[in-house]
């Protein structure tokens, strides 16, 4: 397996950009899970985007479920996808499964705050 190189990020070629994302190690892929923050939270925390976490309340901005609001059930770092409660798709056998959504298509409306989240001491 070839070594992952940070400089691929600077390439204009889509092939190399895709390679950068696909072969990135997990500590870098975590950065791809950032999502925009609502105007109220932006003013309060002085941050334009934050990493999505389990328990956050998000609004879907693009796709089939546009406009729906739900809580984040699961975050898949490897696939760069977020699963939201209530956002389900019916399968052929009749069962339902959570629908994966890319974090760039989400708007964070409520945060789950813990000690590490915004660097605050609680």
PDB file of N, CA and C in Angstrom:
ATOM      1  N   UNK A   1       0.831  -1.182   0.000  1.00  0.00           N
ATOM      2  CA  UNK A   1       0.000   0.000   0.000  1.00  0.00           C
ATOM      3  C   UNK A   1       0.875   1.244   0.000  1.00  0.00           C
ATOM      4  N   UNK A   2       0.510   2.209  -0.827  1.00  0.00           N
ATOM      5  CA  UNK A   2       1.303   3.428  -0.906  1.00  0.00           C
ATOM      6  C   UNK A   2       1.070   4.295   0.320  1.00  0.00           C
ATOM      7  N   UNK A   3       2.075   5.090   0.616  1.00  0.00           N
ATOM      8  CA  UNK A   3       2.017   5.979   1.768  1.00  0.00           C
ATOM      9  C   UNK A   3       1.080   7.160   1.476  1.00  0.00           C
ATOM     10  N   UNK A   4       0.317   7.561   2.481  1.00  0.00           N
ATOM     11  CA  UNK A   4      -0.576   8.708   2.343  1.00  0.00           C
ATOM     12  C   UNK A   4       0.246   9.981   2.403  1.00  0.00           C
ATOM     13  N   UNK A   5       0.031  10.875   1.422  1.00  0.00           N
ATOM     14  CA  UNK A   5       0.823  12.096   1.328  1.00  0.00           C
ATOM     15  C   UNK A   5      -0.089  13.308   1.487  1.00  0.00           C
ATOM     16  N   UNK A   6       0.276  14.185   2.409  1.00  0.00           N
ATOM     17  CA  UNK A   6      -0.534  15.345   2.725  1.00  0.00           C
ATOM     18  C   UNK A   6      -0.640  16.330   1.557  1.00  0.00           C
ATOM     19  N   UNK A   7       0.356  16.364   0.677  1.00  0.00           N
ATOM     20  CA  UNK A   7       0.399  17.352  -0.401  1.00  0.00           C
ATOM     21  C   UNK A   7      -0.648  17.110  -1.487  1.00  0.00           C
ATOM     22  N   UNK A   8      -1.293  15.926  -1.515  1.00  0.00           N
ATOM     23  CA  UNK A   8      -2.335  15.674  -2.514  1.00  0.00           C
ATOM     24  C   UNK A   8      -3.485  16.651  -2.371  1.00  0.00           C
ATOM     25  N   UNK A   9      -3.674  17.177  -1.181  1.00  0.00           N
ATOM     26  CA  UNK A   9      -4.759  18.113  -0.899  1.00  0.00           C
ATOM     27  C   UNK A   9      -4.663  19.356  -1.791  1.00  0.00           C
ATOM     28  N   UNK A  10      -3.457  19.710  -2.175  1.00  0.00           N
ATOM     29  CA  UNK A  10      -3.239  20.933  -2.940  1.00  0.00           C
ATOM     30  C   UNK A  10      -3.466  20.755  -4.434  1.00  0.00           C
ATOM     31  N   UNK A  11      -3.684  19.546  -4.878  1.00  0.00           N
ATOM     32  CA  UNK A  11      -3.852  19.291  -6.300  1.00  0.00           C
ATOM     33  C   UNK A  11      -5.202  19.789  -6.806  1.00  0.00           C
ATOM     34  N   UNK A  12      -5.234  20.211  -8.071  1.00  0.00           N
ATOM     35  CA  UNK A  12      -6.484  20.636  -8.703  1.00  0.00           C
ATOM     36  C   UNK A  12      -7.208  19.463  -9.337  1.00  0.00           C
ATOM     37  N   UNK A  13      -6.514  18.358  -9.509  1.00  0.00           N
ATOM     38  CA  UNK A  13      -7.085  17.202 -10.185  1.00  0.00           C
ATOM     39  C   UNK A  13      -8.062  16.461  -9.273  1.00  0.00           C
ATOM     40  N   UNK A  14      -9.304  16.263  -9.724  1.00  0.00           N
ATOM     41  CA  UNK A  14     -10.298  15.548  -8.914  1.00  0.00           C
ATOM     42  C   UNK A  14      -9.839  14.157  -8.499  1.00  0.00           C
ATOM     43  N   UNK A  15      -9.105  13.481  -9.378  1.00  0.00           N
ATOM     44  CA  UNK A  15      -8.621  12.130  -9.070  1.00  0.00           C
ATOM     45  C   UNK A  15      -7.731  12.142  -7.830  1.00  0.00           C
ATOM     46  N   UNK A  16      -6.855  13.130  -7.745  1.00  0.00           N
ATOM     47  CA  UNK A  16      -5.955  13.212  -6.598  1.00  0.00           C
ATOM     48  C   UNK A  16      -6.673  13.705  -5.349  1.00  0.00           C
ATOM     49  N   UNK A  17      -7.675  14.575  -5.520  1.00  0.00           N
ATOM     50  CA  UNK A  17      -8.468  15.023  -4.376  1.00  0.00           C
ATOM     51  C   UNK A  17      -9.230  13.852  -3.773  1.00  0.00           C
ATOM     52  N   UNK A  18      -9.809  13.015  -4.636  1.00  0.00           N
ATOM     53  CA  UNK A  18     -10.538  11.835  -4.170  1.00  0.00           C
ATOM     54  C   UNK A  18      -9.589  10.869  -3.469  1.00  0.00           C
ATOM     55  N   UNK A  19      -8.392  10.714  -4.027  1.00  0.00           N
ATOM     56  CA  UNK A  19      -7.388   9.824  -3.442  1.00  0.00           C
ATOM     57  C   UNK A  19      -6.987  10.312  -2.050  1.00  0.00           C
ATOM     58  N   UNK A  20      -6.853  11.634  -1.902  1.00  0.00           N
ATOM     59  CA  UNK A  20      -6.513  12.238  -0.615  1.00  0.00           C
ATOM     60  C   UNK A  20      -7.549  11.876   0.441  1.00  0.00           C
ATOM     61  N   UNK A  21      -8.828  12.012   0.072  1.00  0.00           N
ATOM     62  CA  UNK A  21      -9.916  11.729   1.004  1.00  0.00           C
ATOM     63  C   UNK A  21     -10.022  10.233   1.298  1.00  0.00           C
ATOM     64  N   UNK A  22      -9.943   9.410   0.262  1.00  0.00           N
ATOM     65  CA  UNK A  22     -10.136   7.971   0.411  1.00  0.00           C
ATOM     66  C   UNK A  22      -9.018   7.311   1.214  1.00  0.00           C
ATOM     67  N   UNK A  23      -7.792   7.776   1.053  1.00  0.00           N
ATOM     68  CA  UNK A  23      -6.662   7.119   1.706  1.00  0.00           C
ATOM     69  C   UNK A  23      -6.201   7.816   2.979  1.00  0.00           C
ATOM     70  N   UNK A  24      -6.902   8.848   3.394  1.00  0.00           N
ATOM     71  CA  UNK A  24      -6.499   9.592   4.592  1.00  0.00           C
ATOM     72  C   UNK A  24      -6.614   8.713   5.838  1.00  0.00           C
ATOM     73  N   UNK A  25      -5.681   8.864   6.785  1.00  0.00           N
ATOM     74  CA  UNK A  25      -5.788   8.123   8.048  1.00  0.00           C
ATOM     75  C   UNK A  25      -6.960   8.669   8.881  1.00  0.00           C
ATOM     76  N   UNK A  26      -7.402   7.890   9.859  1.00  0.00           N
ATOM     77  CA  UNK A  26      -8.597   8.241  10.623  1.00  0.00           C
ATOM     78  C   UNK A  26      -8.481   9.569  11.370  1.00  0.00           C
ATOM     79  N   UNK A  27      -7.293   9.930  11.838  1.00  0.00           N
ATOM     80  CA  UNK A  27      -7.170  11.188  12.574  1.00  0.00           C
ATOM     81  C   UNK A  27      -7.357  12.384  11.645  1.00  0.00           C
ATOM     82  N   UNK A  28      -7.164  12.219  10.356  1.00  0.00           N
ATOM     83  CA  UNK A  28      -7.424  13.268   9.375  1.00  0.00           C
ATOM     84  C   UNK A  28      -8.885  13.196   8.907  1.00  0.00           C
ATOM     85  N   UNK A  29      -9.417  11.976   8.746  1.00  0.00           N
ATOM     86  CA  UNK A  29     -10.805  11.821   8.306  1.00  0.00           C
ATOM     87  C   UNK A  29     -11.782  12.448   9.294  1.00  0.00           C
ATOM     88  N   UNK A  30     -11.403  12.533  10.546  1.00  0.00           N
ATOM     89  CA  UNK A  30     -12.253  13.184  11.543  1.00  0.00           C
ATOM     90  C   UNK A  30     -12.503  14.641  11.218  1.00  0.00           C
ATOM     91  N   UNK A  31     -11.529  15.287  10.560  1.00  0.00           N
ATOM     92  CA  UNK A  31     -11.688  16.689  10.177  1.00  0.00           C
ATOM     93  C   UNK A  31     -12.738  16.852   9.084  1.00  0.00           C
ATOM     94  N   UNK A  32     -12.974  15.798   8.300  1.00  0.00           N
ATOM     95  CA  UNK A  32     -13.958  15.869   7.217  1.00  0.00           C
ATOM     96  C   UNK A  32     -15.394  15.805   7.746  1.00  0.00           C
ATOM     97  N   UNK A  33     -15.566  15.553   9.041  1.00  0.00           N
ATOM     98  CA  UNK A  33     -16.895  15.428   9.641  1.00  0.00           C
ATOM     99  C   UNK A  33     -17.434  16.766  10.153  1.00  0.00           C
ATOM    100  N   UNK A  34     -16.822  17.861   9.725  1.00  0.00           N
ATOM    101  CA  UNK A  34     -17.263  19.184  10.157  1.00  0.00           C
ATOM    102  C   UNK A  34     -18.534  19.590   9.423  1.00  0.00           C
ATOM    103  N   UNK A  35     -19.385  20.325  10.128  1.00  0.00           N
ATOM    104  CA  UNK A  35     -20.649  20.769   9.576  1.00  0.00           C
ATOM    105  C   UNK A  35     -20.894  22.217   9.989  1.00  0.00           C
ATOM    106  N   UNK A  36     -21.648  22.956   9.188  1.00  0.00           N
ATOM    107  CA  UNK A  36     -21.960  24.349   9.513  1.00  0.00           C
ATOM    108  C   UNK A  36     -22.771  24.434  10.800  1.00  0.00           C
ATOM    109  N   UNK A  37     -22.698  25.596  11.437  1.00  0.00           N
ATOM    110  CA  UNK A  37     -23.385  25.848  12.696  1.00  0.00           C
ATOM    111  C   UNK A  37     -24.439  26.925  12.458  1.00  0.00           C
ATOM    112  N   UNK A  38     -25.581  26.829  13.151  1.00  0.00           N
ATOM    113  CA  UNK A  38     -26.661  27.813  12.988  1.00  0.00           C
ATOM    114  C   UNK A  38     -26.195  29.211  13.400  1.00  0.00           C
ATOM    115  N   UNK A  39     -26.928  30.236  12.965  1.00  0.00           N
ATOM    116  CA  UNK A  39     -26.534  31.626  13.221  1.00  0.00           C
ATOM    117  C   UNK A  39     -26.442  31.935  14.711  1.00  0.00           C
ATOM    118  N   UNK A  40     -27.380  31.401  15.511  1.00  0.00           N
ATOM    119  CA  UNK A  40     -27.374  31.654  16.949  1.00  0.00           C
ATOM    120  C   UNK A  40     -26.122  31.076  17.602  1.00  0.00           C
ATOM    121  N   UNK A  41     -25.800  29.818  17.248  1.00  0.00           N
ATOM    122  CA  UNK A  41     -24.617  29.172  17.824  1.00  0.00           C
ATOM    123  C   UNK A  41     -23.340  29.825  17.313  1.00  0.00           C
ATOM    124  N   UNK A  42     -23.375  30.308  16.073  1.00  0.00           N
ATOM    125  CA  UNK A  42     -22.202  30.976  15.491  1.00  0.00           C
ATOM    126  C   UNK A  42     -21.865  32.241  16.279  1.00  0.00           C
ATOM    127  N   UNK A  43     -22.888  32.995  16.656  1.00  0.00           N
ATOM    128  CA  UNK A  43     -22.661  34.215  17.436  1.00  0.00           C
ATOM    129  C   UNK A  43     -22.207  33.883  18.856  1.00  0.00           C
ATOM    130  N   UNK A  44     -22.783  32.835  19.415  1.00  0.00           N
ATOM    131  CA  UNK A  44     -22.483  32.476  20.802  1.00  0.00           C
ATOM    132  C   UNK A  44     -21.061  31.931  20.965  1.00  0.00           C
ATOM    133  N   UNK A  45     -20.648  31.021  20.059  1.00  0.00           N
ATOM    134  CA  UNK A  45     -19.364  30.344  20.204  1.00  0.00           C
ATOM    135  C   UNK A  45     -18.272  30.870  19.278  1.00  0.00           C
ATOM    136  N   UNK A  46     -18.606  31.830  18.411  1.00  0.00           N
ATOM    137  CA  UNK A  46     -17.635  32.426  17.481  1.00  0.00           C
ATOM    138  C   UNK A  46     -16.948  31.359  16.606  1.00  0.00           C
ATOM    139  N   UNK A  47     -17.727  30.373  16.176  1.00  0.00           N
ATOM    140  CA  UNK A  47     -17.221  29.302  15.303  1.00  0.00           C
ATOM    141  C   UNK A  47     -18.179  29.127  14.147  1.00  0.00           C
ATOM    142  N   UNK A  48     -17.654  28.990  12.937  1.00  0.00           N
ATOM    143  CA  UNK A  48     -18.495  28.824  11.752  1.00  0.00           C
ATOM    144  C   UNK A  48     -18.892  27.363  11.545  1.00  0.00           C
ATOM    145  N   UNK A  49     -17.989  26.443  11.921  1.00  0.00           N
ATOM    146  CA  UNK A  49     -18.280  25.021  11.764  1.00  0.00           C
ATOM    147  C   UNK A  49     -17.683  24.233  12.918  1.00  0.00           C
ATOM    148  N   UNK A  50     -18.289  23.082  13.183  1.00  0.00           N
ATOM    149  CA  UNK A  50     -17.823  22.181  14.229  1.00  0.00           C
ATOM    150  C   UNK A  50     -17.985  20.747  13.761  1.00  0.00           C
ATOM    151  N   UNK A  51     -17.244  19.858  14.381  1.00  0.00           N
ATOM    152  CA  UNK A  51     -17.382  18.442  14.073  1.00  0.00           C
ATOM    153  C   UNK A  51     -18.703  17.927  14.638  1.00  0.00           C
ATOM    154  N   UNK A  52     -19.401  17.123  13.849  1.00  0.00           N
ATOM    155  CA  UNK A  52     -20.678  16.554  14.275  1.00  0.00           C
ATOM    156  C   UNK A  52     -20.414  15.452  15.294  1.00  0.00           C
ATOM    157  N   UNK A  53     -21.217  15.430  16.353  1.00  0.00           N
ATOM    158  CA  UNK A  53     -21.083  14.417  17.399  1.00  0.00           C
ATOM    159  C   UNK A  53     -22.423  13.743  17.650  1.00  0.00           C
ATOM    160  N   UNK A  54     -22.369  12.542  18.200  1.00  0.00           N
ATOM    161  CA  UNK A  54     -23.586  11.822  18.558  1.00  0.00           C
ATOM    162  C   UNK A  54     -24.366  12.644  19.581  1.00  0.00           C
ATOM    163  N   UNK A  55     -25.669  12.821  19.333  1.00  0.00           N
ATOM    164  CA  UNK A  55     -26.513  13.580  20.243  1.00  0.00           C
ATOM    165  C   UNK A  55     -26.793  14.998  19.783  1.00  0.00           C
ATOM    166  N   UNK A  56     -26.013  15.504  18.834  1.00  0.00           N
ATOM    167  CA  UNK A  56     -26.272  16.843  18.297  1.00  0.00           C
ATOM    168  C   UNK A  56     -27.611  16.866  17.572  1.00  0.00           C
ATOM    169  N   UNK A  57     -28.290  18.008  17.617  1.00  0.00           N
ATOM    170  CA  UNK A  57     -29.530  18.187  16.867  1.00  0.00           C
ATOM    171  C   UNK A  57     -29.165  18.896  15.563  1.00  0.00           C
ATOM    172  N   UNK A  58     -29.500  18.273  14.438  1.00  0.00           N
ATOM    173  CA  UNK A  58     -29.104  18.815  13.132  1.00  0.00           C
ATOM    174  C   UNK A  58     -30.300  18.960  12.202  1.00  0.00           C
ATOM    175  N   UNK A  59     -30.166  19.871  11.239  1.00  0.00           N
ATOM    176  CA  UNK A  59     -31.168  20.069  10.200  1.00  0.00           C
ATOM    177  C   UNK A  59     -30.530  19.678   8.875  1.00  0.00           C
ATOM    178  N   UNK A  60     -31.268  18.930   8.061  1.00  0.00           N
ATOM    179  CA  UNK A  60     -30.760  18.497   6.772  1.00  0.00           C
ATOM    180  C   UNK A  60     -31.037  19.599   5.745  1.00  0.00           C
ATOM    181  N   UNK A  61     -29.987  20.004   5.033  1.00  0.00           N
ATOM    182  CA  UNK A  61     -30.082  21.130   4.106  1.00  0.00           C
ATOM    183  C   UNK A  61     -30.171  20.699   2.639  1.00  0.00           C
ATOM    184  N   UNK A  62     -29.776  19.486   2.308  1.00  0.00           N
ATOM    185  CA  UNK A  62     -29.766  19.007   0.929  1.00  0.00           C
ATOM    186  C   UNK A  62     -30.260  17.568   0.860  1.00  0.00           C
ATOM    187  N   UNK A  63     -30.788  17.194  -0.299  1.00  0.00           N
ATOM    188  CA  UNK A  63     -31.181  15.809  -0.530  1.00  0.00           C
ATOM    189  C   UNK A  63     -32.664  15.558  -0.342  1.00  0.00           C
ATOM    190  N   UNK A  64     -33.021  14.272  -0.333  1.00  0.00           N
ATOM    191  CA  UNK A  64     -34.418  13.852  -0.236  1.00  0.00           C
ATOM    192  C   UNK A  64     -35.082  14.273   1.079  1.00  0.00           C
ATOM    193  N   UNK A  65     -34.314  14.398   2.132  1.00  0.00           N
ATOM    194  CA  UNK A  65     -34.863  14.692   3.461  1.00  0.00           C
ATOM    195  C   UNK A  65     -34.646  16.152   3.847  1.00  0.00           C
ATOM    196  N   UNK A  66     -34.501  17.037   2.871  1.00  0.00           N
ATOM    197  CA  UNK A  66     -34.238  18.459   3.095  1.00  0.00           C
ATOM    198  C   UNK A  66     -35.290  19.068   4.024  1.00  0.00           C
ATOM    199  N   UNK A  67     -34.816  19.818   5.025  1.00  0.00           N
ATOM    200  CA  UNK A  67     -35.713  20.503   5.947  1.00  0.00           C
ATOM    201  C   UNK A  67     -36.035  19.718   7.210  1.00  0.00           C
ATOM    202  N   UNK A  68     -35.737  18.420   7.239  1.00  0.00           N
ATOM    203  CA  UNK A  68     -36.040  17.604   8.423  1.00  0.00           C
ATOM    204  C   UNK A  68     -34.989  17.827   9.502  1.00  0.00           C
ATOM    205  N   UNK A  69     -35.452  17.703  10.751  1.00  0.00           N
ATOM    206  CA  UNK A  69     -34.583  17.912  11.907  1.00  0.00           C
ATOM    207  C   UNK A  69     -34.570  16.632  12.733  1.00  0.00           C
ATOM    208  N   UNK A  70     -33.397  16.269  13.245  1.00  0.00           N
ATOM    209  CA  UNK A  70     -33.291  15.077  14.065  1.00  0.00           C
ATOM    210  C   UNK A  70     -31.999  15.052  14.861  1.00  0.00           C
ATOM    211  N   UNK A  71     -31.909  14.061  15.744  1.00  0.00           N
ATOM    212  CA  UNK A  71     -30.717  13.887  16.566  1.00  0.00           C
ATOM    213  C   UNK A  71     -29.765  12.917  15.885  1.00  0.00           C
ATOM    214  N   UNK A  72     -28.487  13.181  16.002  1.00  0.00           N
ATOM    215  CA  UNK A  72     -27.476  12.309  15.411  1.00  0.00           C
ATOM    216  C   UNK A  72     -27.413  11.017  16.222  1.00  0.00           C
ATOM    217  N   UNK A  73     -27.651   9.908  15.542  1.00  0.00           N
ATOM    218  CA  UNK A  73     -27.638   8.590  16.181  1.00  0.00           C
ATOM    219  C   UNK A  73     -26.241   7.985  16.147  1.00  0.00           C
ATOM    220  N   UNK A  74     -25.545   8.149  15.008  1.00  0.00           N
ATOM    221  CA  UNK A  74     -24.247   7.499  14.828  1.00  0.00           C
ATOM    222  C   UNK A  74     -23.406   8.320  13.847  1.00  0.00           C
ATOM    223  N   UNK A  75     -22.104   8.342  14.072  1.00  0.00           N
ATOM    224  CA  UNK A  75     -21.180   9.007  13.164  1.00  0.00           C
ATOM    225  C   UNK A  75     -20.175   7.973  12.681  1.00  0.00           C
ATOM    226  N   UNK A  76     -20.097   7.795  11.373  1.00  0.00           N
ATOM    227  CA  UNK A  76     -19.179   6.829  10.771  1.00  0.00           C
ATOM    228  C   UNK A  76     -17.969   7.584  10.225  1.00  0.00           C
ATOM    229  N   UNK A  77     -16.864   7.506  10.953  1.00  0.00           N
ATOM    230  CA  UNK A  77     -15.665   8.246  10.570  1.00  0.00           C
ATOM    231  C   UNK A  77     -15.042   7.693   9.297  1.00  0.00           C
ATOM    232  N   UNK A  78     -15.015   6.379   9.161  1.00  0.00           N
ATOM    233  CA  UNK A  78     -14.393   5.766   7.984  1.00  0.00           C
ATOM    234  C   UNK A  78     -15.102   6.139   6.693  1.00  0.00           C
ATOM    235  N   UNK A  79     -16.426   6.127   6.703  1.00  0.00           N
ATOM    236  CA  UNK A  79     -17.203   6.409   5.493  1.00  0.00           C
ATOM    237  C   UNK A  79     -17.567   7.890   5.372  1.00  0.00           C
ATOM    238  N   UNK A  80     -17.247   8.695   6.376  1.00  0.00           N
ATOM    239  CA  UNK A  80     -17.596  10.119   6.434  1.00  0.00           C
ATOM    240  C   UNK A  80     -19.102  10.312   6.266  1.00  0.00           C
ATOM    241  N   UNK A  81     -19.880   9.585   7.060  1.00  0.00           N
ATOM    242  CA  UNK A  81     -21.338   9.669   7.004  1.00  0.00           C
ATOM    243  C   UNK A  81     -21.904   9.847   8.404  1.00  0.00           C
ATOM    244  N   UNK A  82     -23.101  10.443   8.457  1.00  0.00           N
ATOM    245  CA  UNK A  82     -23.806  10.672   9.717  1.00  0.00           C
ATOM    246  C   UNK A  82     -25.181  10.022   9.594  1.00  0.00           C
ATOM    247  N   UNK A  83     -25.632   9.344  10.659  1.00  0.00           N
ATOM    248  CA  UNK A  83     -26.946   8.703  10.679  1.00  0.00           C
ATOM    249  C   UNK A  83     -27.814   9.434  11.693  1.00  0.00           C
ATOM    250  N   UNK A  84     -29.031   9.814  11.272  1.00  0.00           N
ATOM    251  CA  UNK A  84     -29.915  10.650  12.086  1.00  0.00           C
ATOM    252  C   UNK A  84     -31.198   9.894  12.419  1.00  0.00           C
ATOM    253  N   UNK A  85     -31.634   9.992  13.682  1.00  0.00           N
ATOM    254  CA  UNK A  85     -32.873   9.339  14.119  1.00  0.00           C
ATOM    255  C   UNK A  85     -34.052   9.865  13.318  1.00  0.00           C
ATOM    256  N   UNK A  86     -34.905   8.969  12.841  1.00  0.00           N
ATOM    257  CA  UNK A  86     -36.095   9.362  12.096  1.00  0.00           C
ATOM    258  C   UNK A  86     -35.865   9.488  10.604  1.00  0.00           C
ATOM    259  N   UNK A  87     -34.625   9.505  10.167  1.00  0.00           N
ATOM    260  CA  UNK A  87     -34.307   9.581   8.738  1.00  0.00           C
ATOM    261  C   UNK A  87     -33.991   8.153   8.292  1.00  0.00           C
ATOM    262  N   UNK A  88     -35.029   7.488   7.806  1.00  0.00           N
ATOM    263  CA  UNK A  88     -34.902   6.070   7.453  1.00  0.00           C
ATOM    264  C   UNK A  88     -35.350   5.838   6.024  1.00  0.00           C
ATOM    265  N   UNK A  89     -34.878   4.743   5.459  1.00  0.00           N
ATOM    266  CA  UNK A  89     -35.275   4.327   4.124  1.00  0.00           C
ATOM    267  C   UNK A  89     -35.773   2.881   4.212  1.00  0.00           C
ATOM    268  N   UNK A  90     -36.840   2.564   3.476  1.00  0.00           N
ATOM    269  CA  UNK A  90     -37.393   1.218   3.487  1.00  0.00           C
ATOM    270  C   UNK A  90     -36.578   0.320   2.567  1.00  0.00           C
ATOM    271  N   UNK A  91     -36.257  -0.869   3.047  1.00  0.00           N
ATOM    272  CA  UNK A  91     -35.519  -1.832   2.247  1.00  0.00           C
ATOM    273  C   UNK A  91     -36.489  -2.771   1.534  1.00  0.00           C
ATOM    274  N   UNK A  92     -35.968  -3.585   0.630  1.00  0.00           N
ATOM    275  CA  UNK A  92     -36.813  -4.488  -0.158  1.00  0.00           C
ATOM    276  C   UNK A  92     -37.620  -5.449   0.706  1.00  0.00           C
ATOM    277  N   UNK A  93     -37.001  -5.940   1.775  1.00  0.00           N
ATOM    278  CA  UNK A  93     -37.684  -6.920   2.634  1.00  0.00           C
ATOM    279  C   UNK A  93     -38.687  -6.273   3.586  1.00  0.00           C
ATOM    280  N   UNK A  94     -38.841  -4.946   3.517  1.00  0.00           N
ATOM    281  CA  UNK A  94     -39.829  -4.258   4.349  1.00  0.00           C
ATOM    282  C   UNK A  94     -39.257  -3.619   5.596  1.00  0.00           C
ATOM    283  N   UNK A  95     -38.045  -4.010   5.973  1.00  0.00           N
ATOM    284  CA  UNK A  95     -37.434  -3.413   7.157  1.00  0.00           C
ATOM    285  C   UNK A  95     -36.912  -2.015   6.832  1.00  0.00           C
ATOM    286  N   UNK A  96     -36.630  -1.253   7.869  1.00  0.00           N
ATOM    287  CA  UNK A  96     -36.121   0.102   7.683  1.00  0.00           C
ATOM    288  C   UNK A  96     -34.691   0.188   8.185  1.00  0.00           C
ATOM    289  N   UNK A  97     -33.912   1.051   7.540  1.00  0.00           N
ATOM    290  CA  UNK A  97     -32.545   1.285   7.997  1.00  0.00           C
ATOM    291  C   UNK A  97     -32.251   2.777   7.943  1.00  0.00           C
ATOM    292  N   UNK A  98     -31.336   3.216   8.814  1.00  0.00           N
ATOM    293  CA  UNK A  98     -30.967   4.622   8.853  1.00  0.00           C
ATOM    294  C   UNK A  98     -30.265   5.008   7.562  1.00  0.00           C
ATOM    295  N   UNK A  99     -30.533   6.227   7.100  1.00  0.00           N
ATOM    296  CA  UNK A  99     -30.008   6.705   5.825  1.00  0.00           C
ATOM    297  C   UNK A  99     -28.728   7.512   6.072  1.00  0.00           C
ATOM    298  N   UNK A 100     -27.621   7.152   5.416  1.00  0.00           N
ATOM    299  CA  UNK A 100     -26.371   7.890   5.634  1.00  0.00           C
ATOM    300  C   UNK A 100     -26.379   9.248   4.920  1.00  0.00           C
ATOM    301  N   UNK A 101     -25.927  10.284   5.618  1.00  0.00           N
ATOM    302  CA  UNK A 101     -25.883  11.634   5.063  1.00  0.00           C
ATOM    303  C   UNK A 101     -24.487  12.211   5.294  1.00  0.00           C
ATOM    304  N   UNK A 102     -23.971  12.906   4.288  1.00  0.00           N
ATOM    305  CA  UNK A 102     -22.660  13.543   4.418  1.00  0.00           C
ATOM    306  C   UNK A 102     -22.791  14.778   5.310  1.00  0.00           C
ATOM    307  N   UNK A 103     -21.837  14.998   6.221  1.00  0.00           N
ATOM    308  CA  UNK A 103     -21.944  16.121   7.163  1.00  0.00           C
ATOM    309  C   UNK A 103     -21.967  17.501   6.517  1.00  0.00           C
ATOM    310  N   UNK A 104     -21.480  17.631   5.290  1.00  0.00           N
ATOM    311  CA  UNK A 104     -21.508  18.936   4.632  1.00  0.00           C
ATOM    312  C   UNK A 104     -22.934  19.353   4.275  1.00  0.00           C
ATOM    313  N   UNK A 105     -23.869  18.413   4.301  1.00  0.00           N
ATOM    314  CA  UNK A 105     -25.261  18.691   3.979  1.00  0.00           C
ATOM    315  C   UNK A 105     -26.113  18.947   5.224  1.00  0.00           C
ATOM    316  N   UNK A 106     -25.462  19.165   6.364  1.00  0.00           N
ATOM    317  CA  UNK A 106     -26.163  19.347   7.629  1.00  0.00           C
ATOM    318  C   UNK A 106     -25.884  20.725   8.217  1.00  0.00           C
ATOM    319  N   UNK A 107     -26.808  21.175   9.074  1.00  0.00           N
ATOM    320  CA  UNK A 107     -26.646  22.411   9.831  1.00  0.00           C
ATOM    321  C   UNK A 107     -26.869  22.065  11.306  1.00  0.00           C
ATOM    322  N   UNK A 108     -25.862  22.272  12.124  1.00  0.00           N
ATOM    323  CA  UNK A 108     -25.983  21.956  13.554  1.00  0.00           C
ATOM    324  C   UNK A 108     -26.824  23.030  14.226  1.00  0.00           C
ATOM    325  N   UNK A 109     -27.871  22.591  14.949  1.00  0.00           N
ATOM    326  CA  UNK A 109     -28.758  23.534  15.624  1.00  0.00           C
ATOM    327  C   UNK A 109     -28.612  23.510  17.141  1.00  0.00           C
ATOM    328  N   UNK A 110     -28.281  22.342  17.705  1.00  0.00           N
ATOM    329  CA  UNK A 110     -28.027  22.231  19.147  1.00  0.00           C
ATOM    330  C   UNK A 110     -26.806  21.362  19.339  1.00  0.00           C
ATOM    331  N   UNK A 111     -25.971  21.747  20.301  1.00  0.00           N
ATOM    332  CA  UNK A 111     -24.736  21.011  20.564  1.00  0.00           C
ATOM    333  C   UNK A 111     -24.855  20.173  21.825  1.00  0.00           C
ATOM    334  N   UNK A 112     -24.146  19.056  21.823  1.00  0.00           N
ATOM    335  CA  UNK A 112     -23.941  18.294  23.037  1.00  0.00           C
ATOM    336  C   UNK A 112     -22.604  18.767  23.577  1.00  0.00           C
ATOM    337  N   UNK A 113     -22.635  19.463  24.705  1.00  0.00           N
ATOM    338  CA  UNK A 113     -21.405  20.023  25.250  1.00  0.00           C
ATOM    339  C   UNK A 113     -20.796  19.086  26.277  1.00  0.00           C
ATOM    340  N   UNK A 114     -19.505  18.837  26.132  1.00  0.00           N
ATOM    341  CA  UNK A 114     -18.753  18.115  27.139  1.00  0.00           C
ATOM    342  C   UNK A 114     -17.461  18.902  27.385  1.00  0.00           C
ATOM    343  N   UNK A 115     -16.605  18.402  28.214  1.00  0.00           N
ATOM    344  CA  UNK A 115     -15.408  19.157  28.608  1.00  0.00           C
ATOM    345  C   UNK A 115     -14.494  19.475  27.437  1.00  0.00           C
ATOM    346  N   UNK A 116     -14.377  18.549  26.486  1.00  0.00           N
ATOM    347  CA  UNK A 116     -13.430  18.728  25.389  1.00  0.00           C
ATOM    348  C   UNK A 116     -13.999  19.479  24.197  1.00  0.00           C
ATOM    349  N   UNK A 117     -15.295  19.605  24.085  1.00  0.00           N
ATOM    350  CA  UNK A 117     -15.942  20.050  22.850  1.00  0.00           C
ATOM    351  C   UNK A 117     -15.445  21.405  22.365  1.00  0.00           C
ATOM    352  N   UNK A 118     -15.498  22.408  23.169  1.00  0.00           N
ATOM    353  CA  UNK A 118     -15.086  23.745  22.746  1.00  0.00           C
ATOM    354  C   UNK A 118     -13.897  24.265  23.557  1.00  0.00           C
ATOM    355  N   UNK A 119     -13.205  23.358  24.223  1.00  0.00           N
ATOM    356  CA  UNK A 119     -12.032  23.766  24.989  1.00  0.00           C
ATOM    357  C   UNK A 119     -12.364  24.529  26.261  1.00  0.00           C
ATOM    358  N   UNK A 120     -13.610  24.376  26.725  1.00  0.00           N
ATOM    359  CA  UNK A 120     -14.030  25.075  27.933  1.00  0.00           C
ATOM    360  C   UNK A 120     -13.778  24.199  29.158  1.00  0.00           C
ATOM    361  N   UNK A 121     -13.527  24.845  30.273  1.00  0.00           N
ATOM    362  CA  UNK A 121     -13.391  24.120  31.537  1.00  0.00           C
ATOM    363  C   UNK A 121     -14.724  24.177  32.259  1.00  0.00           C
ATOM    364  N   UNK A 122     -15.250  22.996  32.584  1.00  0.00           N
ATOM    365  CA  UNK A 122     -16.546  22.937  33.263  1.00  0.00           C
ATOM    366  C   UNK A 122     -16.415  22.332  34.629  1.00  0.00           C
TER     367      UNK A 122
END
